[in-house]
C-alpha atoms as a PDB file:
ATOM      1  CA  UNK A   1     158.082 231.494  35.726  1.00  0.00           C
ATOM      2  CA  UNK A   2     161.464 232.983  35.053  1.00  0.00           C
ATOM      3  CA  UNK A   3     162.079 233.870  38.702  1.00  0.00           C
ATOM      4  CA  UNK A   4     161.854 230.217  39.826  1.00  0.00           C
ATOM      5  CA  UNK A   5     164.466 228.828  37.397  1.00  0.00           C
ATOM      6  CA  UNK A   6     166.963 227.839  40.076  1.00  0.00           C
ATOM      7  CA  UNK A   7     164.418 226.426  42.532  1.00  0.00           C
ATOM      8  CA  UNK A   8     162.563 223.148  42.957  1.00  0.00           C
ATOM      9  CA  UNK A   9     159.583 224.807  41.226  1.00  0.00           C
ATOM     10  CA  UNK A  10     161.450 225.097  37.910  1.00  0.00           C
ATOM     11  CA  UNK A  11     160.274 223.303  34.772  1.00  0.00           C
ATOM     12  CA  UNK A  12     156.763 222.633  35.975  1.00  0.00           C
ATOM     13  CA  UNK A  13     153.516 224.133  34.756  1.00  0.00           C
ATOM     14  CA  UNK A  14     151.646 224.300  38.082  1.00  0.00           C
ATOM     15  CA  UNK A  15     151.203 227.667  39.832  1.00  0.00           C
ATOM     16  CA  UNK A  16     153.002 228.332  43.105  1.00  0.00           C
ATOM     17  CA  UNK A  17     149.712 228.112  45.034  1.00  0.00           C
ATOM     18  CA  UNK A  18     149.362 224.444  43.964  1.00  0.00           C
ATOM     19  CA  UNK A  19     152.945 223.716  45.040  1.00  0.00           C
ATOM     20  CA  UNK A  20     152.310 225.182  48.493  1.00  0.00           C
ATOM     21  CA  UNK A  21     149.082 223.214  48.885  1.00  0.00           C
ATOM     22  CA  UNK A  22     150.875 220.054  47.753  1.00  0.00           C
ATOM     23  CA  UNK A  23     153.563 220.620  50.381  1.00  0.00           C
ATOM     24  CA  UNK A  24     150.879 221.212  53.010  1.00  0.00           C
ATOM     25  CA  UNK A  25     149.115 217.956  52.107  1.00  0.00           C
ATOM     26  CA  UNK A  26     152.452 216.125  52.210  1.00  0.00           C
ATOM     27  CA  UNK A  27     152.833 217.381  55.777  1.00  0.00           C
ATOM     28  CA  UNK A  28     149.474 215.776  56.575  1.00  0.00           C
ATOM     29  CA  UNK A  29     150.865 212.447  55.245  1.00  0.00           C
ATOM     30  CA  UNK A  30     148.354 212.230  52.407  1.00  0.00           C
ATOM     31  CA  UNK A  31     149.225 209.844  49.589  1.00  0.00           C
ATOM     32  CA  UNK A  32     149.930 211.121  46.086  1.00  0.00           C
ATOM     33  CA  UNK A  33     146.540 209.794  44.983  1.00  0.00           C
ATOM     34  CA  UNK A  34     144.778 211.710  47.780  1.00  0.00           C
ATOM     35  CA  UNK A  35     146.689 214.895  46.960  1.00  0.00           C
ATOM     36  CA  UNK A  36     145.805 214.507  43.280  1.00  0.00           C
ATOM     37  CA  UNK A  37     142.110 214.212  44.142  1.00  0.00           C
ATOM     38  CA  UNK A  38     142.208 217.199  46.510  1.00  0.00           C
ATOM     39  CA  UNK A  39     143.974 219.435  43.983  1.00  0.00           C
ATOM     40  CA  UNK A  40     142.143 218.016  40.936  1.00  0.00           C
ATOM     41  CA  UNK A  41     145.444 217.056  39.294  1.00  0.00           C
ATOM     42  CA  UNK A  42     146.840 214.114  37.388  1.00  0.00           C
ATOM     43  CA  UNK A  43     148.472 211.611  39.762  1.00  0.00           C
ATOM     44  CA  UNK A  44     151.645 211.575  37.625  1.00  0.00           C
ATOM     45  CA  UNK A  45     151.984 215.357  38.036  1.00  0.00           C
ATOM     46  CA  UNK A  46     151.593 215.052  41.801  1.00  0.00           C
ATOM     47  CA  UNK A  47     154.187 212.257  41.840  1.00  0.00           C
ATOM     48  CA  UNK A  48     156.676 214.520  40.072  1.00  0.00           C
ATOM     49  CA  UNK A  49     155.871 217.461  42.349  1.00  0.00           C
ATOM     50  CA  UNK A  50     156.257 215.456  45.570  1.00  0.00           C
ATOM     51  CA  UNK A  51     159.576 214.023  44.367  1.00  0.00           C
ATOM     52  CA  UNK A  52     160.861 217.492  43.559  1.00  0.00           C
ATOM     53  CA  UNK A  53     159.684 218.837  46.914  1.00  0.00           C
ATOM     54  CA  UNK A  54     161.229 215.949  48.845  1.00  0.00           C
ATOM     55  CA  UNK A  55     164.541 216.179  47.024  1.00  0.00           C
ATOM     56  CA  UNK A  56     164.613 219.951  47.472  1.00  0.00           C
ATOM     57  CA  UNK A  57     164.019 219.624  51.197  1.00  0.00           C
ATOM     58  CA  UNK A  58     166.705 216.944  51.600  1.00  0.00           C
ATOM     59  CA  UNK A  59     169.241 218.832  49.466  1.00  0.00           C
ATOM     60  CA  UNK A  60     168.778 222.053  51.449  1.00  0.00           C
ATOM     61  CA  UNK A  61     169.441 220.500  54.860  1.00  0.00           C
ATOM     62  CA  UNK A  62     172.672 221.744  56.406  1.00  0.00           C
ATOM     63  CA  UNK A  63     175.405 219.246  57.142  1.00  0.00           C
ATOM     64  CA  UNK A  64     175.441 218.410  60.841  1.00  0.00           C
ATOM     65  CA  UNK A  65     178.869 218.338  62.454  1.00  0.00           C
ATOM     66  CA  UNK A  66     179.027 216.917  65.954  1.00  0.00           C
ATOM     67  CA  UNK A  67     181.945 217.927  68.105  1.00  0.00           C
ATOM     68  CA  UNK A  68     182.901 218.423  71.705  1.00  0.00           C
ATOM     69  CA  UNK A  69     181.597 216.681  74.787  1.00  0.00           C
ATOM     70  CA  UNK A  70     178.135 215.160  74.789  1.00  0.00           C
ATOM     71  CA  UNK A  71     176.197 214.570  77.990  1.00  0.00           C
ATOM     72  CA  UNK A  72     173.533 211.914  78.304  1.00  0.00           C
ATOM     73  CA  UNK A  73     171.168 212.045  81.270  1.00  0.00           C
ATOM     74  CA  UNK A  74     169.358 208.744  80.922  1.00  0.00           C
ATOM     75  CA  UNK A  75     169.744 205.511  79.065  1.00  0.00           C
ATOM     76  CA  UNK A  76     166.933 203.022  78.953  1.00  0.00           C
ATOM     77  CA  UNK A  77     167.289 199.575  77.482  1.00  0.00           C
ATOM     78  CA  UNK A  78     164.710 196.907  76.931  1.00  0.00           C
ATOM     79  CA  UNK A  79     165.302 193.206  76.921  1.00  0.00           C
ATOM     80  CA  UNK A  80     162.891 190.406  76.404  1.00  0.00           C
ATOM     81  CA  UNK A  81     161.164 189.223  79.559  1.00  0.00           C
ATOM     82  CA  UNK A  82     161.609 185.533  80.256  1.00  0.00           C
ATOM     83  CA  UNK A  83     159.179 183.849  82.544  1.00  0.00           C
ATOM     84  CA  UNK A  84     160.713 181.505  85.084  1.00  0.00           C
ATOM     85  CA  UNK A  85     158.537 178.506  84.583  1.00  0.00           C
ATOM     86  CA  UNK A  86     159.098 175.385  86.603  1.00  0.00           C
ATOM     87  CA  UNK A  87     157.871 172.116  85.171  1.00  0.00           C
END
């Protein structure tokens, strides 16, 4: 897997198809144990794969810079409702 050396898929023995399926199952909010059963893999391997996928996704997010004027149409606040009880 020479072509994946600088990606999140580097240093792992699973084929790319398994990585894509793992990412798909993560999107369905399956646990690592469920993913391992679905893909017929060791749970420790799935744990490592999901960590690498999550860290790769977080590291690739662009930095958000907020600037300028911001307009807000509605603001809704909730407070506890107190009943007016008279003894």
